[in-house]
């Protein structure tokens, strides 16, 4: 089991356009070189299965699952055995990954789903500012509606106490 960043397009009919767009993002191209690029499930995936040499029943089962996932990103953000990925620091990796989602958010309306601990307050994966930017200024950290007063209080506590404590790990400056 691992931590996943799970999100979906509000309008799944934009899946092909979103996947084409994400392939052009410079940060995603860097992660693709490491075998860790972001992609949206879209019609391309269904076409690939249809062209495969799998049995017809197997194709039918996979296509049914893919149709349910159209417009979604299911990105595993955990499970690395070292502090870097092919020479890239974990901090840089997560910062690049956040940058990808920030750019996607500017072009497409996204919904972040509460199915993972990828966007959490322990800063194991993304730093606080990246989480806020990815989820449209903190509206959806972990996909839940947030009580603004409580959120602001936690943010102030984190910025004054927790963030300086964690600065030495994945969350210092690049």
N, C-alpha and C. Protein backbone atom coordinates (compact mmCIF):
# COMPACT_ATOMS: atom_id res chain seq x y z
N UNK A 1 0.85 -1.17 0.00
CA UNK A 1 0.00 0.00 0.00
C UNK A 1 0.89 1.23 0.00
N UNK A 2 0.48 2.26 -0.69
CA UNK A 2 1.27 3.47 -0.73
C UNK A 2 0.39 4.69 -0.77
N UNK A 3 1.02 5.82 -0.84
CA UNK A 3 0.30 7.09 -0.93
C UNK A 3 0.12 7.44 -2.40
N UNK A 4 -1.08 7.77 -2.76
CA UNK A 4 -1.41 8.14 -4.13
C UNK A 4 -1.99 9.53 -4.17
N UNK A 5 -1.64 10.26 -5.21
CA UNK A 5 -2.27 11.53 -5.51
C UNK A 5 -3.36 11.20 -6.52
N UNK A 6 -4.59 11.28 -6.10
CA UNK A 6 -5.72 10.92 -6.97
C UNK A 6 -6.55 12.16 -7.22
N UNK A 7 -6.73 12.43 -8.48
CA UNK A 7 -7.53 13.58 -8.86
C UNK A 7 -8.23 13.28 -10.17
N UNK A 8 -9.19 14.11 -10.50
CA UNK A 8 -9.92 13.90 -11.74
C UNK A 8 -10.36 15.23 -12.30
N UNK A 9 -10.55 15.22 -13.59
CA UNK A 9 -11.09 16.39 -14.27
C UNK A 9 -12.57 16.51 -13.89
N UNK A 10 -13.03 17.72 -13.68
CA UNK A 10 -14.44 17.93 -13.42
C UNK A 10 -15.24 17.54 -14.66
N UNK A 11 -14.67 17.80 -15.84
CA UNK A 11 -15.29 17.44 -17.11
C UNK A 11 -14.46 16.34 -17.78
N UNK A 12 -14.85 15.06 -17.61
CA UNK A 12 -14.06 13.96 -18.17
C UNK A 12 -13.93 14.00 -19.69
N UNK A 13 -14.79 14.74 -20.38
CA UNK A 13 -14.67 14.82 -21.84
C UNK A 13 -13.39 15.55 -22.25
N UNK A 14 -12.72 16.20 -21.32
CA UNK A 14 -11.47 16.91 -21.60
C UNK A 14 -10.23 16.02 -21.39
N UNK A 15 -10.45 14.73 -21.16
CA UNK A 15 -9.34 13.83 -20.80
C UNK A 15 -8.25 13.79 -21.87
N UNK A 16 -8.61 13.67 -23.12
CA UNK A 16 -7.60 13.60 -24.18
C UNK A 16 -6.82 14.90 -24.26
N UNK A 17 -7.53 16.03 -24.21
CA UNK A 17 -6.87 17.34 -24.25
C UNK A 17 -5.95 17.52 -23.05
N UNK A 18 -6.40 17.08 -21.88
CA UNK A 18 -5.58 17.21 -20.67
C UNK A 18 -4.34 16.33 -20.76
N UNK A 19 -4.50 15.11 -21.29
CA UNK A 19 -3.35 14.23 -21.42
C UNK A 19 -2.36 14.79 -22.44
N UNK A 20 -2.86 15.30 -23.54
CA UNK A 20 -1.96 15.92 -24.53
C UNK A 20 -1.23 17.12 -23.91
N UNK A 21 -1.96 17.93 -23.13
CA UNK A 21 -1.36 19.10 -22.49
C UNK A 21 -0.27 18.69 -21.50
N UNK A 22 -0.56 17.72 -20.64
CA UNK A 22 0.40 17.35 -19.60
C UNK A 22 1.69 16.80 -20.21
N UNK A 23 1.60 16.23 -21.40
CA UNK A 23 2.81 15.71 -22.05
C UNK A 23 3.72 16.84 -22.53
N UNK A 24 3.19 18.05 -22.67
CA UNK A 24 3.99 19.19 -23.13
C UNK A 24 4.65 19.97 -21.98
N UNK A 25 4.27 19.69 -20.76
CA UNK A 25 4.80 20.42 -19.61
C UNK A 25 6.25 20.01 -19.36
N UNK A 26 7.12 21.00 -19.30
CA UNK A 26 8.56 20.76 -19.16
C UNK A 26 8.87 19.89 -17.93
N UNK A 27 8.25 20.18 -16.80
CA UNK A 27 8.50 19.41 -15.58
C UNK A 27 8.09 17.94 -15.77
N UNK A 28 6.99 17.72 -16.49
CA UNK A 28 6.55 16.34 -16.73
C UNK A 28 7.53 15.61 -17.64
N UNK A 29 8.07 16.32 -18.60
CA UNK A 29 9.06 15.70 -19.48
C UNK A 29 10.29 15.26 -18.69
N UNK A 30 10.68 16.07 -17.68
CA UNK A 30 11.80 15.67 -16.82
C UNK A 30 11.47 14.40 -16.05
N UNK A 31 10.24 14.32 -15.52
CA UNK A 31 9.84 13.14 -14.76
C UNK A 31 9.63 11.94 -15.67
N UNK A 32 9.22 12.16 -16.91
CA UNK A 32 9.06 11.05 -17.86
C UNK A 32 10.40 10.37 -18.13
N UNK A 33 11.49 11.16 -18.14
CA UNK A 33 12.82 10.58 -18.33
C UNK A 33 13.18 9.61 -17.21
N UNK A 34 12.56 9.82 -16.04
CA UNK A 34 12.80 8.94 -14.89
C UNK A 34 11.76 7.83 -14.82
N UNK A 35 10.86 7.79 -15.79
CA UNK A 35 9.78 6.81 -15.78
C UNK A 35 8.68 7.14 -14.79
N UNK A 36 8.58 8.42 -14.40
CA UNK A 36 7.63 8.85 -13.36
C UNK A 36 6.72 9.98 -13.84
N UNK A 37 6.44 10.05 -15.14
CA UNK A 37 5.60 11.12 -15.68
C UNK A 37 4.14 10.97 -15.29
N UNK A 38 3.42 12.07 -15.42
CA UNK A 38 1.98 12.14 -15.12
C UNK A 38 1.21 11.94 -16.41
N UNK A 39 0.12 11.21 -16.34
CA UNK A 39 -0.76 11.08 -17.49
C UNK A 39 -2.20 10.94 -17.02
N UNK A 40 -3.13 11.31 -17.87
CA UNK A 40 -4.55 11.15 -17.62
C UNK A 40 -5.03 9.90 -18.33
N UNK A 41 -5.91 9.16 -17.71
CA UNK A 41 -6.55 8.05 -18.39
C UNK A 41 -7.48 8.65 -19.44
N UNK A 42 -7.33 8.20 -20.68
CA UNK A 42 -8.13 8.77 -21.77
C UNK A 42 -8.35 7.73 -22.86
N UNK A 43 -8.95 8.14 -23.95
CA UNK A 43 -9.29 7.24 -25.05
C UNK A 43 -8.06 6.52 -25.61
N UNK A 44 -6.88 7.15 -25.52
CA UNK A 44 -5.65 6.51 -25.99
C UNK A 44 -5.41 5.18 -25.28
N UNK A 45 -5.72 5.15 -23.98
CA UNK A 45 -5.52 3.92 -23.20
C UNK A 45 -6.47 2.82 -23.68
N UNK A 46 -7.70 3.20 -23.96
CA UNK A 46 -8.69 2.23 -24.46
C UNK A 46 -8.27 1.70 -25.83
N UNK A 47 -7.83 2.60 -26.71
CA UNK A 47 -7.38 2.19 -28.04
C UNK A 47 -6.20 1.23 -27.96
N UNK A 48 -5.29 1.49 -27.02
CA UNK A 48 -4.13 0.62 -26.85
C UNK A 48 -4.55 -0.80 -26.44
N UNK A 49 -5.52 -0.89 -25.53
CA UNK A 49 -6.01 -2.20 -25.11
C UNK A 49 -6.71 -2.90 -26.27
N UNK A 50 -7.51 -2.15 -27.02
CA UNK A 50 -8.21 -2.75 -28.16
C UNK A 50 -7.23 -3.33 -29.19
N UNK A 51 -6.07 -2.71 -29.35
CA UNK A 51 -5.07 -3.16 -30.31
C UNK A 51 -4.17 -4.28 -29.76
N UNK A 52 -4.30 -4.58 -28.47
CA UNK A 52 -3.42 -5.59 -27.86
C UNK A 52 -3.83 -7.00 -28.27
N UNK A 53 -2.98 -7.96 -27.94
CA UNK A 53 -3.26 -9.35 -28.29
C UNK A 53 -3.87 -10.13 -27.13
N UNK A 54 -4.47 -9.43 -26.20
CA UNK A 54 -5.14 -10.07 -25.06
C UNK A 54 -6.43 -10.73 -25.53
N UNK A 55 -6.95 -11.63 -24.72
CA UNK A 55 -8.22 -12.28 -25.06
C UNK A 55 -9.35 -11.24 -25.08
N UNK A 56 -10.39 -11.52 -25.80
CA UNK A 56 -11.50 -10.57 -25.92
C UNK A 56 -12.13 -10.29 -24.55
N UNK A 57 -12.26 -11.31 -23.71
CA UNK A 57 -12.85 -11.10 -22.38
C UNK A 57 -11.93 -10.22 -21.53
N UNK A 58 -10.62 -10.47 -21.61
CA UNK A 58 -9.66 -9.66 -20.85
C UNK A 58 -9.72 -8.20 -21.31
N UNK A 59 -9.76 -7.99 -22.63
CA UNK A 59 -9.88 -6.63 -23.18
C UNK A 59 -11.15 -5.96 -22.66
N UNK A 60 -12.24 -6.70 -22.69
CA UNK A 60 -13.53 -6.15 -22.25
C UNK A 60 -13.46 -5.70 -20.78
N UNK A 61 -12.84 -6.51 -19.93
CA UNK A 61 -12.71 -6.18 -18.50
C UNK A 61 -11.84 -4.93 -18.29
N UNK A 62 -10.71 -4.89 -18.99
CA UNK A 62 -9.80 -3.75 -18.84
C UNK A 62 -10.46 -2.47 -19.36
N UNK A 63 -11.12 -2.56 -20.49
CA UNK A 63 -11.78 -1.38 -21.07
C UNK A 63 -12.88 -0.87 -20.15
N UNK A 64 -13.61 -1.76 -19.50
CA UNK A 64 -14.65 -1.33 -18.55
C UNK A 64 -14.03 -0.53 -17.40
N UNK A 65 -12.89 -1.00 -16.90
CA UNK A 65 -12.20 -0.27 -15.81
C UNK A 65 -11.68 1.08 -16.31
N UNK A 66 -11.11 1.08 -17.51
CA UNK A 66 -10.57 2.33 -18.06
C UNK A 66 -11.67 3.36 -18.29
N UNK A 67 -12.82 2.91 -18.75
CA UNK A 67 -13.93 3.85 -18.98
C UNK A 67 -14.33 4.54 -17.69
N UNK A 68 -14.29 3.81 -16.57
CA UNK A 68 -14.60 4.42 -15.27
C UNK A 68 -13.53 5.42 -14.85
N UNK A 69 -12.32 5.25 -15.35
CA UNK A 69 -11.20 6.11 -14.95
C UNK A 69 -10.91 7.27 -15.92
N UNK A 70 -11.69 7.41 -16.97
CA UNK A 70 -11.45 8.48 -17.94
C UNK A 70 -11.38 9.83 -17.22
N UNK A 71 -10.31 10.57 -17.48
CA UNK A 71 -10.14 11.90 -16.88
C UNK A 71 -9.51 11.89 -15.50
N UNK A 72 -9.00 10.75 -15.08
CA UNK A 72 -8.40 10.65 -13.75
C UNK A 72 -6.88 10.50 -13.83
N UNK A 73 -6.24 10.91 -12.75
CA UNK A 73 -4.81 10.67 -12.54
C UNK A 73 -4.71 9.90 -11.23
N UNK A 74 -4.06 8.76 -11.26
CA UNK A 74 -3.78 7.97 -10.07
C UNK A 74 -2.26 7.84 -9.99
N UNK A 75 -1.63 8.74 -9.26
CA UNK A 75 -0.18 8.85 -9.27
C UNK A 75 0.39 8.41 -7.92
N UNK A 76 1.21 7.37 -7.93
CA UNK A 76 1.83 6.90 -6.69
C UNK A 76 2.98 7.83 -6.33
N UNK A 77 2.89 8.45 -5.15
CA UNK A 77 3.92 9.40 -4.72
C UNK A 77 4.83 8.82 -3.65
N UNK A 78 4.60 7.58 -3.25
CA UNK A 78 5.43 6.97 -2.21
C UNK A 78 6.12 5.73 -2.77
N UNK A 79 6.88 5.09 -1.90
CA UNK A 79 7.49 3.81 -2.25
C UNK A 79 8.90 3.90 -2.79
N UNK A 80 9.57 4.99 -2.56
CA UNK A 80 10.95 5.11 -3.01
C UNK A 80 11.87 4.57 -1.93
N UNK A 81 12.88 3.85 -2.35
CA UNK A 81 13.77 3.21 -1.39
C UNK A 81 14.96 4.09 -0.99
N UNK A 82 15.16 5.19 -1.68
CA UNK A 82 16.30 6.04 -1.35
C UNK A 82 15.83 7.49 -1.26
N UNK A 83 16.76 8.36 -0.97
CA UNK A 83 16.45 9.78 -0.84
C UNK A 83 16.46 10.51 -2.18
N UNK A 84 16.72 9.77 -3.25
CA UNK A 84 16.66 10.41 -4.57
C UNK A 84 16.11 9.41 -5.59
N UNK A 85 15.76 9.94 -6.73
CA UNK A 85 15.26 9.10 -7.83
C UNK A 85 16.21 9.33 -9.00
N UNK A 86 17.01 8.33 -9.30
CA UNK A 86 17.99 8.44 -10.39
C UNK A 86 18.78 9.74 -10.33
N UNK A 87 19.22 10.11 -9.13
CA UNK A 87 20.05 11.30 -8.95
C UNK A 87 19.28 12.58 -8.69
N UNK A 88 17.95 12.56 -8.80
CA UNK A 88 17.15 13.76 -8.51
C UNK A 88 16.73 13.71 -7.04
N UNK A 89 16.94 14.79 -6.33
CA UNK A 89 16.56 14.81 -4.91
C UNK A 89 15.05 14.67 -4.78
N UNK A 90 14.63 14.10 -3.66
CA UNK A 90 13.20 13.94 -3.42
C UNK A 90 12.50 15.29 -3.38
N UNK A 91 13.16 16.30 -2.81
CA UNK A 91 12.57 17.63 -2.75
C UNK A 91 12.30 18.15 -4.16
N UNK A 92 13.29 18.04 -5.03
CA UNK A 92 13.10 18.51 -6.40
C UNK A 92 12.02 17.70 -7.11
N UNK A 93 11.99 16.39 -6.90
CA UNK A 93 10.98 15.54 -7.51
C UNK A 93 9.57 16.01 -7.14
N UNK A 94 9.32 16.17 -5.84
CA UNK A 94 7.98 16.58 -5.41
C UNK A 94 7.65 18.00 -5.85
N UNK A 95 8.66 18.86 -5.90
CA UNK A 95 8.43 20.23 -6.36
C UNK A 95 8.06 20.23 -7.85
N UNK A 96 8.76 19.43 -8.65
CA UNK A 96 8.41 19.30 -10.07
C UNK A 96 7.00 18.73 -10.24
N UNK A 97 6.70 17.71 -9.47
CA UNK A 97 5.38 17.09 -9.54
C UNK A 97 4.29 18.10 -9.19
N UNK A 98 4.51 18.86 -8.14
CA UNK A 98 3.53 19.90 -7.76
C UNK A 98 3.40 20.91 -8.89
N UNK A 99 4.51 21.29 -9.51
CA UNK A 99 4.47 22.24 -10.61
C UNK A 99 3.62 21.76 -11.77
N UNK A 100 3.65 20.46 -12.02
CA UNK A 100 2.83 19.89 -13.08
C UNK A 100 1.35 20.10 -12.77
N UNK A 101 0.96 19.77 -11.55
CA UNK A 101 -0.45 19.89 -11.19
C UNK A 101 -0.89 21.35 -11.11
N UNK A 102 -0.01 22.22 -10.72
CA UNK A 102 -0.34 23.65 -10.71
C UNK A 102 -0.66 24.11 -12.13
N UNK A 103 0.15 23.69 -13.10
CA UNK A 103 -0.11 24.07 -14.49
C UNK A 103 -1.39 23.44 -15.03
N UNK A 104 -1.65 22.19 -14.65
CA UNK A 104 -2.91 21.55 -15.06
C UNK A 104 -4.09 22.34 -14.51
N UNK A 105 -3.99 22.77 -13.24
CA UNK A 105 -5.08 23.52 -12.61
C UNK A 105 -5.39 24.82 -13.33
N UNK A 106 -4.38 25.43 -13.95
CA UNK A 106 -4.59 26.70 -14.66
C UNK A 106 -5.41 26.50 -15.93
N UNK A 107 -5.32 25.32 -16.51
CA UNK A 107 -5.98 25.07 -17.79
C UNK A 107 -7.27 24.25 -17.65
N UNK A 108 -7.33 23.40 -16.64
CA UNK A 108 -8.47 22.50 -16.48
C UNK A 108 -8.98 22.56 -15.04
N UNK A 109 -10.26 22.36 -14.88
CA UNK A 109 -10.83 22.33 -13.54
C UNK A 109 -10.66 20.92 -12.99
N UNK A 110 -9.96 20.83 -11.86
CA UNK A 110 -9.62 19.54 -11.26
C UNK A 110 -10.31 19.39 -9.91
N UNK A 111 -10.52 18.13 -9.54
CA UNK A 111 -11.03 17.81 -8.22
C UNK A 111 -10.05 16.82 -7.60
N UNK A 112 -9.53 17.16 -6.42
CA UNK A 112 -8.61 16.28 -5.71
C UNK A 112 -9.43 15.40 -4.79
N UNK A 113 -9.22 14.09 -4.86
CA UNK A 113 -10.05 13.13 -4.16
C UNK A 113 -9.42 12.71 -2.84
N UNK A 114 -10.25 12.48 -1.87
CA UNK A 114 -9.77 12.05 -0.55
C UNK A 114 -9.64 10.54 -0.54
N UNK A 115 -8.60 10.05 -1.16
CA UNK A 115 -8.37 8.60 -1.21
C UNK A 115 -6.94 8.27 -0.82
N UNK A 116 -6.20 9.23 -0.32
CA UNK A 116 -4.79 9.00 -0.07
C UNK A 116 -4.26 9.96 0.97
N UNK A 117 -3.06 9.67 1.43
CA UNK A 117 -2.39 10.58 2.35
C UNK A 117 -1.31 11.37 1.61
N UNK A 118 -1.37 11.41 0.28
CA UNK A 118 -0.35 12.15 -0.48
C UNK A 118 -0.37 13.63 -0.13
N UNK A 119 -1.56 14.20 -0.02
CA UNK A 119 -1.67 15.61 0.37
C UNK A 119 -1.99 15.63 1.86
N UNK A 120 -0.97 15.63 2.68
CA UNK A 120 -1.21 15.60 4.12
C UNK A 120 -0.42 16.69 4.81
N UNK A 121 -0.62 16.81 6.09
CA UNK A 121 0.02 17.87 6.85
C UNK A 121 1.35 17.44 7.47
N UNK A 122 1.84 16.26 7.14
CA UNK A 122 3.12 15.82 7.69
C UNK A 122 4.28 16.18 6.76
N UNK A 123 3.96 16.68 5.59
CA UNK A 123 4.97 17.11 4.61
C UNK A 123 5.87 15.98 4.16
N UNK A 124 5.37 14.74 4.16
CA UNK A 124 6.19 13.64 3.67
C UNK A 124 6.38 13.71 2.17
N UNK A 125 5.42 14.30 1.47
CA UNK A 125 5.48 14.30 0.02
C UNK A 125 5.58 15.72 -0.56
N UNK A 126 4.60 16.56 -0.30
CA UNK A 126 4.59 17.91 -0.85
C UNK A 126 4.73 18.92 0.26
N UNK A 127 5.41 20.04 -0.03
CA UNK A 127 5.50 21.09 0.98
C UNK A 127 4.17 21.84 1.05
N UNK A 128 3.98 22.58 2.10
CA UNK A 128 2.72 23.27 2.37
C UNK A 128 2.32 24.20 1.23
N UNK A 129 3.24 25.01 0.75
CA UNK A 129 2.91 25.95 -0.33
C UNK A 129 2.54 25.23 -1.62
N UNK A 130 3.23 24.12 -1.93
CA UNK A 130 2.88 23.34 -3.12
C UNK A 130 1.48 22.73 -2.98
N UNK A 131 1.17 22.20 -1.78
CA UNK A 131 -0.16 21.63 -1.57
C UNK A 131 -1.24 22.70 -1.78
N UNK A 132 -0.99 23.88 -1.24
CA UNK A 132 -1.97 24.96 -1.38
C UNK A 132 -2.14 25.34 -2.85
N UNK A 133 -1.05 25.43 -3.58
CA UNK A 133 -1.14 25.82 -4.99
C UNK A 133 -1.80 24.74 -5.83
N UNK A 134 -1.46 23.48 -5.57
CA UNK A 134 -2.04 22.38 -6.34
C UNK A 134 -3.54 22.29 -6.14
N UNK A 135 -3.98 22.54 -4.93
CA UNK A 135 -5.40 22.37 -4.61
C UNK A 135 -6.13 23.71 -4.57
N UNK A 136 -5.69 24.64 -5.38
CA UNK A 136 -6.30 25.95 -5.50
C UNK A 136 -6.35 26.69 -4.16
N UNK A 137 -5.20 27.08 -3.68
CA UNK A 137 -5.03 27.87 -2.47
C UNK A 137 -5.54 27.18 -1.20
N UNK A 138 -5.40 25.88 -1.15
CA UNK A 138 -5.73 25.17 0.08
C UNK A 138 -7.20 24.86 0.26
N UNK A 139 -8.00 25.06 -0.78
CA UNK A 139 -9.43 24.78 -0.64
C UNK A 139 -9.68 23.31 -0.40
N UNK A 140 -8.80 22.46 -0.90
CA UNK A 140 -9.07 21.03 -0.86
C UNK A 140 -7.89 20.19 -0.38
N UNK A 141 -7.18 20.59 0.61
CA UNK A 141 -6.12 19.72 1.11
C UNK A 141 -6.76 18.41 1.51
N UNK A 142 -6.26 17.31 0.98
CA UNK A 142 -6.80 15.98 1.18
C UNK A 142 -8.22 15.83 0.67
N UNK A 143 -8.68 16.73 -0.18
CA UNK A 143 -9.98 16.58 -0.81
C UNK A 143 -11.16 16.88 0.07
N UNK A 144 -10.95 17.37 1.27
CA UNK A 144 -12.07 17.66 2.17
C UNK A 144 -12.37 19.15 2.15
N UNK A 145 -13.61 19.49 2.43
CA UNK A 145 -13.93 20.89 2.64
C UNK A 145 -13.24 21.32 3.91
N UNK A 146 -12.74 22.53 3.91
CA UNK A 146 -11.96 22.98 5.05
C UNK A 146 -12.64 24.15 5.73
N UNK A 147 -12.70 24.07 7.04
CA UNK A 147 -13.20 25.17 7.85
C UNK A 147 -12.13 26.27 7.77
N UNK A 148 -12.48 27.39 7.15
CA UNK A 148 -11.47 28.43 6.89
C UNK A 148 -10.80 28.94 8.16
N UNK A 149 -11.57 29.16 9.22
CA UNK A 149 -10.97 29.66 10.46
C UNK A 149 -9.98 28.62 11.02
N UNK A 150 -10.41 27.37 11.08
CA UNK A 150 -9.53 26.31 11.57
C UNK A 150 -8.31 26.14 10.69
N UNK A 151 -8.52 26.24 9.38
CA UNK A 151 -7.41 26.10 8.43
C UNK A 151 -6.38 27.20 8.65
N UNK A 152 -6.83 28.45 8.78
CA UNK A 152 -5.91 29.57 8.99
C UNK A 152 -5.12 29.39 10.29
N UNK A 153 -5.80 28.92 11.34
CA UNK A 153 -5.11 28.69 12.61
C UNK A 153 -4.02 27.63 12.44
N UNK A 154 -4.35 26.53 11.77
CA UNK A 154 -3.35 25.47 11.54
C UNK A 154 -2.21 25.97 10.67
N UNK A 155 -2.55 26.77 9.66
CA UNK A 155 -1.53 27.30 8.78
C UNK A 155 -0.54 28.16 9.56
N UNK A 156 -1.04 29.01 10.44
CA UNK A 156 -0.16 29.87 11.22
C UNK A 156 0.73 29.05 12.16
N UNK A 157 0.15 28.04 12.78
CA UNK A 157 0.94 27.18 13.66
C UNK A 157 2.02 26.46 12.87
N UNK A 158 1.63 25.91 11.71
CA UNK A 158 2.60 25.18 10.88
C UNK A 158 3.72 26.09 10.41
N UNK A 159 3.36 27.29 9.98
CA UNK A 159 4.39 28.20 9.46
C UNK A 159 5.33 28.66 10.56
N UNK A 160 4.83 28.82 11.77
CA UNK A 160 5.69 29.33 12.83
C UNK A 160 6.48 28.25 13.55
N UNK A 161 5.92 27.04 13.61
CA UNK A 161 6.59 26.00 14.39
C UNK A 161 7.05 24.82 13.53
N UNK A 162 6.10 24.19 12.84
CA UNK A 162 6.41 22.92 12.16
C UNK A 162 7.30 23.09 10.94
N UNK A 163 7.02 24.06 10.11
CA UNK A 163 7.78 24.19 8.87
C UNK A 163 9.27 24.43 9.14
N UNK A 164 9.64 25.34 10.07
CA UNK A 164 11.07 25.46 10.34
C UNK A 164 11.70 24.15 10.82
N UNK A 165 10.93 23.35 11.57
CA UNK A 165 11.44 22.08 12.06
C UNK A 165 11.73 21.12 10.91
N UNK A 166 10.86 21.09 9.89
CA UNK A 166 11.00 20.15 8.77
C UNK A 166 11.87 20.68 7.63
N UNK A 167 12.37 21.89 7.71
CA UNK A 167 13.10 22.52 6.60
C UNK A 167 14.28 21.69 6.10
N UNK A 168 14.91 20.92 6.94
CA UNK A 168 16.08 20.18 6.52
C UNK A 168 15.78 19.02 5.60
N UNK A 169 14.55 18.52 5.57
CA UNK A 169 14.20 17.35 4.76
C UNK A 169 13.83 17.73 3.34
N UNK A 170 12.73 17.20 2.88
CA UNK A 170 12.27 17.43 1.51
C UNK A 170 11.77 18.85 1.28
N UNK A 171 11.77 19.68 2.32
CA UNK A 171 10.97 20.89 2.22
C UNK A 171 11.76 22.18 2.36
N UNK A 172 13.07 22.10 2.21
CA UNK A 172 13.87 23.32 2.19
C UNK A 172 13.84 23.92 0.80
N UNK A 173 14.59 24.98 0.60
CA UNK A 173 14.62 25.61 -0.73
C UNK A 173 15.36 24.70 -1.70
N UNK A 174 14.98 24.82 -3.00
CA UNK A 174 15.65 24.03 -4.04
C UNK A 174 17.09 24.47 -4.20
